[in-house]
Amino acid sequence: MPSYSELQDLFQFASKNAAYKLAKRLISEGHLQADETGRLKSRWVLPFAGQVVAGFPSPAEEELVDVMSLDQYLIRRPEASFLLKVTGDSMIEGGILPGDLVIIERGKSPKSGDIVLAQIDREWTLKYYKKEGKTVSLVAGNPKYPVLHPKEELVVAGVVGAVVRRYR
């Protein structure tokens, strides 16, 4: 989870106190938890009931197999990860829709084909990272958007590790 300073930057709050108030509200509503040091952590722990076939129907028995933390399943390095809500449709062919949440992992070196959060010429975007030789470009997952080539600078802030979507 992001720190209070990172929340301040993400939401462009004028003060860290505003980020603290947001976090406190999310904690009181049960969306987040804070550990004994005050560091934020999410509350995604659900019963794990087994598997389901997505092909032909098969007989199934419902039984509780285990309890699974979505944090552990979706987030490889919690200390280096944060969530962002997606706006725009430039990554729809990458399976990322407006309103989805993406889990960004900082400090991971992107490979060609990864979806990254990047700042290109002082503008933030979510795109495929494409590297050919020494040339790096950002490619949308929607053909109506152009390929982006940095004119001044390209800073990769992190790699998308997971996408979370609500259907209703």
N, C-alpha and C. Protein backbone atom coordinates (compact mmCIF):
# COMPACT_ATOMS: atom_id res chain seq x y z
N MET A 1 0.84 -1.18 0.00
CA MET A 1 0.00 0.00 0.00
C MET A 1 0.89 1.24 0.00
N PRO A 2 0.38 2.31 -0.58
CA PRO A 2 1.19 3.54 -0.60
C PRO A 2 1.32 4.15 0.79
N SER A 3 2.36 4.93 0.97
CA SER A 3 2.54 5.68 2.21
C SER A 3 1.62 6.90 2.16
N TYR A 4 1.51 7.62 3.28
CA TYR A 4 0.70 8.84 3.29
C TYR A 4 1.25 9.88 2.32
N SER A 5 2.57 9.98 2.22
CA SER A 5 3.18 10.92 1.25
C SER A 5 2.83 10.53 -0.17
N GLU A 6 2.86 9.21 -0.46
CA GLU A 6 2.52 8.74 -1.81
C GLU A 6 1.04 8.98 -2.10
N LEU A 7 0.16 8.79 -1.10
CA LEU A 7 -1.25 9.11 -1.29
C LEU A 7 -1.42 10.59 -1.60
N GLN A 8 -0.67 11.43 -0.90
CA GLN A 8 -0.72 12.87 -1.15
C GLN A 8 -0.37 13.16 -2.60
N ASP A 9 0.70 12.54 -3.09
CA ASP A 9 1.12 12.75 -4.48
C ASP A 9 0.10 12.18 -5.47
N LEU A 10 -0.38 10.95 -5.21
CA LEU A 10 -1.31 10.29 -6.12
C LEU A 10 -2.60 11.08 -6.32
N PHE A 11 -3.13 11.61 -5.20
CA PHE A 11 -4.40 12.33 -5.26
C PHE A 11 -4.20 13.84 -5.37
N GLN A 12 -2.95 14.26 -5.46
CA GLN A 12 -2.58 15.66 -5.60
C GLN A 12 -3.19 16.52 -4.49
N PHE A 13 -3.12 15.97 -3.24
CA PHE A 13 -3.56 16.73 -2.07
C PHE A 13 -2.52 17.79 -1.75
N ALA A 14 -2.96 18.88 -1.17
CA ALA A 14 -2.04 19.95 -0.80
C ALA A 14 -1.23 19.59 0.45
N SER A 15 -1.77 18.69 1.28
CA SER A 15 -1.05 18.34 2.51
C SER A 15 -1.13 16.84 2.78
N LYS A 16 -0.18 16.36 3.57
CA LYS A 16 -0.17 14.96 3.98
C LYS A 16 -1.35 14.69 4.91
N ASN A 17 -1.83 15.72 5.61
CA ASN A 17 -2.97 15.57 6.50
C ASN A 17 -4.22 15.13 5.73
N ALA A 18 -4.41 15.65 4.53
CA ALA A 18 -5.56 15.26 3.71
C ALA A 18 -5.46 13.78 3.34
N ALA A 19 -4.25 13.31 3.04
CA ALA A 19 -4.04 11.89 2.74
C ALA A 19 -4.33 11.04 3.98
N TYR A 20 -3.90 11.52 5.13
CA TYR A 20 -4.16 10.82 6.39
C TYR A 20 -5.66 10.71 6.65
N LYS A 21 -6.40 11.80 6.41
CA LYS A 21 -7.85 11.78 6.62
C LYS A 21 -8.54 10.79 5.67
N LEU A 22 -8.10 10.74 4.42
CA LEU A 22 -8.64 9.78 3.47
C LEU A 22 -8.38 8.36 3.96
N ALA A 23 -7.16 8.07 4.35
CA ALA A 23 -6.81 6.73 4.83
C ALA A 23 -7.63 6.38 6.07
N LYS A 24 -7.78 7.32 6.97
CA LYS A 24 -8.55 7.08 8.20
C LYS A 24 -10.01 6.75 7.85
N ARG A 25 -10.56 7.45 6.87
CA ARG A 25 -11.93 7.17 6.43
C ARG A 25 -12.04 5.77 5.82
N LEU A 26 -11.07 5.40 4.97
CA LEU A 26 -11.08 4.07 4.36
C LEU A 26 -10.92 2.98 5.41
N ILE A 27 -10.15 3.25 6.45
CA ILE A 27 -10.00 2.29 7.55
C ILE A 27 -11.32 2.16 8.31
N SER A 28 -11.97 3.29 8.61
CA SER A 28 -13.23 3.24 9.36
C SER A 28 -14.34 2.55 8.56
N GLU A 29 -14.29 2.64 7.22
CA GLU A 29 -15.29 1.98 6.38
C GLU A 29 -14.94 0.53 6.10
N GLY A 30 -13.80 0.06 6.61
CA GLY A 30 -13.42 -1.34 6.45
C GLY A 30 -12.71 -1.69 5.16
N HIS A 31 -12.30 -0.70 4.38
CA HIS A 31 -11.61 -0.96 3.11
C HIS A 31 -10.12 -1.20 3.30
N LEU A 32 -9.57 -0.61 4.34
CA LEU A 32 -8.14 -0.73 4.63
C LEU A 32 -7.95 -1.09 6.09
N GLN A 33 -6.73 -1.52 6.39
CA GLN A 33 -6.30 -1.72 7.76
C GLN A 33 -4.98 -1.00 7.92
N ALA A 34 -4.62 -0.76 9.16
CA ALA A 34 -3.29 -0.23 9.46
C ALA A 34 -2.62 -1.22 10.40
N ASP A 35 -1.33 -1.48 10.17
CA ASP A 35 -0.62 -2.38 11.06
C ASP A 35 -0.21 -1.64 12.33
N GLU A 36 0.51 -2.31 13.21
CA GLU A 36 0.87 -1.72 14.50
C GLU A 36 1.75 -0.49 14.36
N THR A 37 2.42 -0.32 13.22
CA THR A 37 3.27 0.86 13.00
C THR A 37 2.51 1.99 12.31
N GLY A 38 1.24 1.73 11.94
CA GLY A 38 0.45 2.73 11.24
C GLY A 38 0.52 2.61 9.74
N ARG A 39 1.32 1.67 9.23
CA ARG A 39 1.44 1.45 7.78
C ARG A 39 0.15 0.84 7.25
N LEU A 40 -0.31 1.32 6.09
CA LEU A 40 -1.56 0.86 5.52
C LEU A 40 -1.43 -0.51 4.90
N LYS A 41 -2.50 -1.31 5.02
CA LYS A 41 -2.58 -2.60 4.33
C LYS A 41 -4.03 -2.86 3.98
N SER A 42 -4.27 -3.65 2.94
CA SER A 42 -5.64 -3.89 2.50
C SER A 42 -6.25 -5.04 3.29
N ARG A 43 -7.56 -5.27 3.09
CA ARG A 43 -8.29 -6.25 3.87
C ARG A 43 -8.88 -7.34 2.98
N TRP A 44 -8.24 -7.74 1.95
CA TRP A 44 -8.82 -8.70 1.02
C TRP A 44 -8.53 -10.13 1.45
N VAL A 45 -9.36 -10.69 2.31
CA VAL A 45 -9.24 -12.09 2.71
C VAL A 45 -10.61 -12.71 2.49
N LEU A 46 -10.66 -13.74 1.65
CA LEU A 46 -11.92 -14.37 1.28
C LEU A 46 -11.81 -15.88 1.39
N PRO A 47 -12.95 -16.60 1.57
CA PRO A 47 -12.89 -18.05 1.54
C PRO A 47 -12.56 -18.53 0.13
N PHE A 48 -11.70 -19.53 0.04
CA PHE A 48 -11.32 -20.11 -1.25
C PHE A 48 -12.07 -21.43 -1.37
N ALA A 49 -13.00 -21.51 -2.34
CA ALA A 49 -13.89 -22.65 -2.46
C ALA A 49 -13.52 -23.62 -3.57
N GLY A 50 -12.32 -23.59 -4.10
CA GLY A 50 -11.90 -24.56 -5.10
C GLY A 50 -11.82 -23.98 -6.49
N GLN A 51 -12.17 -24.81 -7.49
CA GLN A 51 -12.04 -24.43 -8.90
C GLN A 51 -13.37 -24.58 -9.61
N VAL A 52 -13.47 -23.98 -10.79
CA VAL A 52 -14.62 -24.15 -11.64
C VAL A 52 -14.13 -24.27 -13.08
N VAL A 53 -14.77 -25.12 -13.85
CA VAL A 53 -14.40 -25.32 -15.25
C VAL A 53 -15.04 -24.22 -16.08
N ALA A 54 -14.27 -23.58 -16.93
CA ALA A 54 -14.81 -22.54 -17.79
C ALA A 54 -15.12 -23.08 -19.18
N GLY A 55 -15.00 -24.37 -19.37
CA GLY A 55 -15.32 -25.00 -20.65
C GLY A 55 -16.69 -25.64 -20.58
N PHE A 56 -16.74 -26.98 -20.70
CA PHE A 56 -18.00 -27.70 -20.61
C PHE A 56 -18.40 -27.86 -19.14
N PRO A 57 -19.70 -27.84 -18.85
CA PRO A 57 -20.14 -28.01 -17.47
C PRO A 57 -19.69 -29.35 -16.90
N SER A 58 -19.41 -29.37 -15.61
CA SER A 58 -19.03 -30.62 -14.94
C SER A 58 -19.67 -30.63 -13.56
N PRO A 59 -19.87 -31.82 -13.00
CA PRO A 59 -20.44 -31.88 -11.65
C PRO A 59 -19.51 -31.16 -10.68
N ALA A 60 -20.09 -30.46 -9.75
CA ALA A 60 -19.28 -29.72 -8.80
C ALA A 60 -19.86 -29.87 -7.41
N GLU A 61 -18.97 -29.89 -6.44
CA GLU A 61 -19.38 -29.89 -5.05
C GLU A 61 -18.80 -28.64 -4.43
N GLU A 62 -19.63 -27.94 -3.67
CA GLU A 62 -19.13 -26.74 -3.02
C GLU A 62 -18.57 -27.13 -1.66
N GLU A 63 -17.34 -26.82 -1.45
CA GLU A 63 -16.74 -27.05 -0.15
C GLU A 63 -15.67 -25.99 0.07
N LEU A 64 -15.51 -25.62 1.31
CA LEU A 64 -14.50 -24.64 1.65
C LEU A 64 -13.15 -25.33 1.63
N VAL A 65 -12.28 -24.92 0.72
CA VAL A 65 -10.96 -25.53 0.59
C VAL A 65 -9.97 -24.85 1.53
N ASP A 66 -10.06 -23.53 1.62
CA ASP A 66 -9.08 -22.78 2.40
C ASP A 66 -9.56 -21.33 2.48
N VAL A 67 -8.79 -20.52 3.13
CA VAL A 67 -9.01 -19.08 3.14
C VAL A 67 -7.82 -18.47 2.41
N MET A 68 -8.10 -17.54 1.51
CA MET A 68 -7.04 -16.96 0.70
C MET A 68 -7.04 -15.45 0.85
N SER A 69 -5.88 -14.89 1.00
CA SER A 69 -5.72 -13.44 1.01
C SER A 69 -5.48 -12.99 -0.42
N LEU A 70 -6.33 -12.10 -0.90
CA LEU A 70 -6.10 -11.58 -2.24
C LEU A 70 -4.81 -10.76 -2.30
N ASP A 71 -4.43 -10.18 -1.16
CA ASP A 71 -3.15 -9.48 -1.11
C ASP A 71 -2.02 -10.43 -1.52
N GLN A 72 -2.01 -11.60 -0.91
CA GLN A 72 -0.93 -12.56 -1.19
C GLN A 72 -1.01 -13.08 -2.62
N TYR A 73 -2.23 -13.23 -3.15
CA TYR A 73 -2.39 -13.76 -4.50
C TYR A 73 -2.04 -12.73 -5.57
N LEU A 74 -2.46 -11.48 -5.36
CA LEU A 74 -2.31 -10.44 -6.39
C LEU A 74 -1.05 -9.60 -6.24
N ILE A 75 -0.51 -9.55 -5.03
CA ILE A 75 0.59 -8.62 -4.77
C ILE A 75 1.84 -9.39 -4.36
N ARG A 76 2.85 -9.36 -5.23
CA ARG A 76 4.10 -10.09 -4.95
C ARG A 76 4.94 -9.37 -3.90
N ARG A 77 5.02 -8.06 -4.01
CA ARG A 77 5.86 -7.26 -3.09
C ARG A 77 5.02 -6.12 -2.53
N PRO A 78 4.29 -6.36 -1.44
CA PRO A 78 3.40 -5.33 -0.90
C PRO A 78 4.10 -4.03 -0.56
N GLU A 79 5.33 -4.12 -0.10
CA GLU A 79 6.06 -2.90 0.29
C GLU A 79 6.40 -2.03 -0.92
N ALA A 80 6.31 -2.58 -2.13
CA ALA A 80 6.66 -1.83 -3.33
C ALA A 80 5.46 -1.67 -4.27
N SER A 81 4.25 -1.91 -3.76
CA SER A 81 3.07 -1.90 -4.63
C SER A 81 2.04 -0.88 -4.19
N PHE A 82 1.26 -0.40 -5.17
CA PHE A 82 0.15 0.51 -4.88
C PHE A 82 -0.93 0.35 -5.93
N LEU A 83 -2.13 0.86 -5.63
CA LEU A 83 -3.28 0.77 -6.52
C LEU A 83 -3.53 2.09 -7.24
N LEU A 84 -4.00 1.99 -8.46
CA LEU A 84 -4.48 3.16 -9.20
C LEU A 84 -5.80 2.79 -9.88
N LYS A 85 -6.72 3.74 -9.95
CA LYS A 85 -7.96 3.54 -10.68
C LYS A 85 -7.75 4.02 -12.11
N VAL A 86 -8.18 3.22 -13.07
CA VAL A 86 -7.96 3.50 -14.49
C VAL A 86 -9.08 4.37 -15.04
N THR A 87 -8.69 5.39 -15.79
CA THR A 87 -9.64 6.17 -16.58
C THR A 87 -9.17 6.07 -18.02
N GLY A 88 -10.06 6.18 -18.95
CA GLY A 88 -9.68 6.12 -20.36
C GLY A 88 -9.71 4.70 -20.89
N ASP A 89 -9.70 4.59 -22.22
CA ASP A 89 -9.86 3.28 -22.87
C ASP A 89 -8.66 2.85 -23.70
N SER A 90 -7.49 3.40 -23.42
CA SER A 90 -6.34 3.09 -24.26
C SER A 90 -5.77 1.69 -24.04
N MET A 91 -6.22 0.97 -23.00
CA MET A 91 -5.67 -0.37 -22.75
C MET A 91 -6.74 -1.46 -22.79
N ILE A 92 -7.84 -1.22 -23.49
CA ILE A 92 -8.94 -2.20 -23.49
C ILE A 92 -8.54 -3.53 -24.11
N GLU A 93 -7.69 -3.53 -25.13
CA GLU A 93 -7.25 -4.80 -25.72
C GLU A 93 -6.23 -5.51 -24.83
N GLY A 94 -5.73 -4.82 -23.83
CA GLY A 94 -4.87 -5.44 -22.82
C GLY A 94 -5.66 -5.95 -21.63
N GLY A 95 -7.00 -5.87 -21.73
CA GLY A 95 -7.86 -6.36 -20.67
C GLY A 95 -8.02 -5.39 -19.52
N ILE A 96 -7.69 -4.12 -19.74
CA ILE A 96 -7.82 -3.10 -18.69
C ILE A 96 -8.86 -2.08 -19.15
N LEU A 97 -9.95 -2.01 -18.39
CA LEU A 97 -11.08 -1.16 -18.77
C LEU A 97 -11.20 0.04 -17.84
N PRO A 98 -11.88 1.10 -18.29
CA PRO A 98 -12.11 2.24 -17.40
C PRO A 98 -12.82 1.77 -16.13
N GLY A 99 -12.35 2.27 -15.00
CA GLY A 99 -12.93 1.89 -13.71
C GLY A 99 -12.19 0.75 -13.03
N ASP A 100 -11.37 0.00 -13.77
CA ASP A 100 -10.58 -1.07 -13.16
C ASP A 100 -9.55 -0.48 -12.21
N LEU A 101 -9.10 -1.29 -11.28
CA LEU A 101 -7.97 -0.94 -10.43
C LEU A 101 -6.78 -1.73 -10.92
N VAL A 102 -5.64 -1.09 -11.02
CA VAL A 102 -4.41 -1.80 -11.37
C VAL A 102 -3.47 -1.76 -10.17
N ILE A 103 -2.79 -2.86 -9.97
CA ILE A 103 -1.78 -2.94 -8.92
C ILE A 103 -0.44 -2.73 -9.58
N ILE A 104 0.24 -1.67 -9.18
CA ILE A 104 1.52 -1.29 -9.76
C ILE A 104 2.64 -1.72 -8.82
N GLU A 105 3.64 -2.38 -9.37
CA GLU A 105 4.81 -2.77 -8.59
C GLU A 105 5.98 -1.87 -8.97
N ARG A 106 6.45 -1.09 -8.00
CA ARG A 106 7.60 -0.20 -8.22
C ARG A 106 8.89 -1.00 -8.17
N GLY A 107 9.91 -0.47 -8.84
CA GLY A 107 11.24 -1.04 -8.74
C GLY A 107 11.48 -2.27 -9.58
N LYS A 108 10.51 -2.70 -10.33
CA LYS A 108 10.66 -3.86 -11.20
C LYS A 108 11.08 -3.37 -12.58
N SER A 109 12.13 -3.94 -13.12
CA SER A 109 12.58 -3.54 -14.47
C SER A 109 11.60 -4.07 -15.50
N PRO A 110 11.06 -3.19 -16.34
CA PRO A 110 10.09 -3.65 -17.33
C PRO A 110 10.77 -4.43 -18.45
N LYS A 111 10.04 -5.42 -18.94
CA LYS A 111 10.46 -6.17 -20.12
C LYS A 111 9.54 -5.74 -21.26
N SER A 112 10.02 -5.88 -22.48
CA SER A 112 9.20 -5.56 -23.64
C SER A 112 7.93 -6.39 -23.57
N GLY A 113 6.78 -5.73 -23.68
CA GLY A 113 5.49 -6.41 -23.60
C GLY A 113 4.79 -6.21 -22.27
N ASP A 114 5.52 -5.78 -21.24
CA ASP A 114 4.89 -5.48 -19.94
C ASP A 114 4.01 -4.25 -20.07
N ILE A 115 2.97 -4.19 -19.25
CA ILE A 115 2.17 -2.97 -19.14
C ILE A 115 2.77 -2.16 -18.00
N VAL A 116 3.07 -0.90 -18.28
CA VAL A 116 3.77 -0.07 -17.30
C VAL A 116 3.01 1.22 -17.02
N LEU A 117 3.27 1.76 -15.83
CA LEU A 117 2.87 3.12 -15.50
C LEU A 117 4.11 3.96 -15.78
N ALA A 118 3.97 4.91 -16.70
CA ALA A 118 5.14 5.68 -17.11
C ALA A 118 4.81 7.15 -17.23
N GLN A 119 5.84 7.94 -17.00
CA GLN A 119 5.74 9.38 -17.23
C GLN A 119 6.55 9.65 -18.49
N ILE A 120 5.85 10.08 -19.53
CA ILE A 120 6.51 10.37 -20.80
C ILE A 120 6.34 11.87 -21.05
N ASP A 121 7.47 12.55 -21.12
CA ASP A 121 7.47 14.00 -21.35
C ASP A 121 6.50 14.71 -20.39
N ARG A 122 6.60 14.36 -19.12
CA ARG A 122 5.85 14.96 -18.01
C ARG A 122 4.36 14.63 -17.98
N GLU A 123 3.92 13.62 -18.74
CA GLU A 123 2.52 13.17 -18.72
C GLU A 123 2.49 11.70 -18.30
N TRP A 124 1.56 11.35 -17.39
CA TRP A 124 1.44 9.97 -16.90
C TRP A 124 0.51 9.17 -17.78
N THR A 125 0.86 7.89 -17.99
CA THR A 125 0.02 7.02 -18.80
C THR A 125 0.28 5.56 -18.44
N LEU A 126 -0.64 4.71 -18.86
CA LEU A 126 -0.54 3.26 -18.70
C LEU A 126 -0.49 2.67 -20.11
N LYS A 127 0.61 2.02 -20.47
CA LYS A 127 0.77 1.50 -21.83
C LYS A 127 1.67 0.27 -21.83
N TYR A 128 1.69 -0.44 -22.97
CA TYR A 128 2.67 -1.51 -23.16
C TYR A 128 4.04 -0.88 -23.34
N TYR A 129 5.03 -1.48 -22.72
CA TYR A 129 6.42 -1.05 -22.84
C TYR A 129 7.03 -1.87 -23.98
N LYS A 130 7.59 -1.19 -24.96
CA LYS A 130 8.17 -1.89 -26.10
C LYS A 130 9.60 -1.38 -26.30
N LYS A 131 10.53 -2.33 -26.29
CA LYS A 131 11.94 -1.96 -26.48
C LYS A 131 12.51 -2.75 -27.64
N GLU A 132 13.05 -2.03 -28.60
CA GLU A 132 13.72 -2.63 -29.76
C GLU A 132 15.10 -2.01 -29.85
N GLY A 133 16.11 -2.76 -29.50
CA GLY A 133 17.46 -2.22 -29.44
C GLY A 133 17.53 -1.18 -28.34
N LYS A 134 17.92 0.03 -28.70
CA LYS A 134 17.97 1.11 -27.72
C LYS A 134 16.72 1.99 -27.76
N THR A 135 15.81 1.69 -28.67
CA THR A 135 14.60 2.50 -28.83
C THR A 135 13.48 1.95 -27.95
N VAL A 136 12.90 2.85 -27.15
CA VAL A 136 11.79 2.49 -26.28
C VAL A 136 10.55 3.28 -26.71
N SER A 137 9.42 2.59 -26.76
CA SER A 137 8.16 3.26 -27.08
C SER A 137 7.08 2.72 -26.15
N LEU A 138 5.99 3.47 -26.08
CA LEU A 138 4.83 3.06 -25.30
C LEU A 138 3.68 2.85 -26.29
N VAL A 139 3.08 1.66 -26.21
CA VAL A 139 2.07 1.28 -27.19
C VAL A 139 0.74 1.06 -26.48
N ALA A 140 -0.31 1.67 -27.01
CA ALA A 140 -1.65 1.52 -26.43
C ALA A 140 -2.21 0.15 -26.77
N GLY A 141 -3.13 -0.30 -25.96
CA GLY A 141 -3.88 -1.52 -26.23
C GLY A 141 -5.20 -1.17 -26.87
N ASN A 142 -5.19 -0.19 -27.76
CA ASN A 142 -6.37 0.26 -28.49
C ASN A 142 -5.84 0.95 -29.75
N PRO A 143 -6.23 0.45 -30.93
CA PRO A 143 -5.65 0.99 -32.17
C PRO A 143 -5.96 2.45 -32.46
N LYS A 144 -6.91 3.04 -31.75
CA LYS A 144 -7.21 4.45 -32.03
C LYS A 144 -6.20 5.40 -31.38
N TYR A 145 -5.25 4.87 -30.61
CA TYR A 145 -4.23 5.70 -29.97
C TYR A 145 -2.88 5.49 -30.64
N PRO A 146 -2.09 6.57 -30.78
CA PRO A 146 -0.79 6.45 -31.44
C PRO A 146 0.26 5.82 -30.52
N VAL A 147 1.31 5.32 -31.14
CA VAL A 147 2.49 4.87 -30.40
C VAL A 147 3.20 6.11 -29.88
N LEU A 148 3.64 6.07 -28.62
CA LEU A 148 4.30 7.22 -28.02
C LEU A 148 5.81 7.00 -27.96
N HIS A 149 6.55 8.01 -28.40
CA HIS A 149 8.01 8.01 -28.32
C HIS A 149 8.42 9.22 -27.50
N PRO A 150 9.25 9.03 -26.49
CA PRO A 150 9.63 10.18 -25.67
C PRO A 150 10.43 11.21 -26.47
N LYS A 151 10.02 12.47 -26.34
CA LYS A 151 10.79 13.55 -26.97
C LYS A 151 11.87 14.04 -26.03
N GLU A 152 11.54 14.09 -24.71
CA GLU A 152 12.49 14.57 -23.71
C GLU A 152 12.89 13.48 -22.73
N GLU A 153 11.87 12.85 -22.08
CA GLU A 153 12.21 11.84 -21.08
C GLU A 153 11.11 10.80 -20.94
N LEU A 154 11.51 9.64 -20.44
CA LEU A 154 10.60 8.55 -20.14
C LEU A 154 11.03 7.98 -18.79
N VAL A 155 10.10 7.98 -17.84
CA VAL A 155 10.36 7.43 -16.52
C VAL A 155 9.32 6.35 -16.26
N VAL A 156 9.77 5.11 -16.07
CA VAL A 156 8.86 4.02 -15.76
C VAL A 156 8.72 3.96 -14.24
N ALA A 157 7.51 4.21 -13.75
CA ALA A 157 7.26 4.22 -12.31
C ALA A 157 6.99 2.83 -11.76
N GLY A 158 6.53 1.93 -12.62
CA GLY A 158 6.24 0.58 -12.16
C GLY A 158 5.60 -0.25 -13.24
N VAL A 159 5.46 -1.55 -12.94
CA VAL A 159 4.89 -2.52 -13.86
C VAL A 159 3.56 -3.00 -13.29
N VAL A 160 2.55 -3.14 -14.15
CA VAL A 160 1.25 -3.64 -13.71
C VAL A 160 1.41 -5.12 -13.35
N GLY A 161 1.00 -5.44 -12.12
CA GLY A 161 1.08 -6.83 -11.65
C GLY A 161 -0.25 -7.53 -11.66
N ALA A 162 -1.35 -6.75 -11.56
CA ALA A 162 -2.68 -7.36 -11.53
C ALA A 162 -3.73 -6.30 -11.84
N VAL A 163 -4.90 -6.77 -12.25
CA VAL A 163 -6.03 -5.90 -12.53
C VAL A 163 -7.20 -6.40 -11.69
N VAL A 164 -7.91 -5.47 -11.06
CA VAL A 164 -9.08 -5.82 -10.25
C VAL A 164 -10.28 -5.13 -10.89
N ARG A 165 -11.34 -5.92 -11.11
CA ARG A 165 -12.53 -5.36 -11.77
C ARG A 165 -13.79 -5.76 -11.02
N ARG A 166 -14.68 -4.81 -10.86
CA ARG A 166 -16.02 -5.08 -10.33
C ARG A 166 -16.97 -5.19 -11.50
N TYR A 167 -17.87 -6.14 -11.45
CA TYR A 167 -18.82 -6.32 -12.55
C TYR A 167 -20.17 -5.66 -12.28
N ARG A 168 -20.44 -5.29 -11.07
CA ARG A 168 -21.71 -4.59 -10.77
C ARG A 168 -21.45 -3.41 -9.92
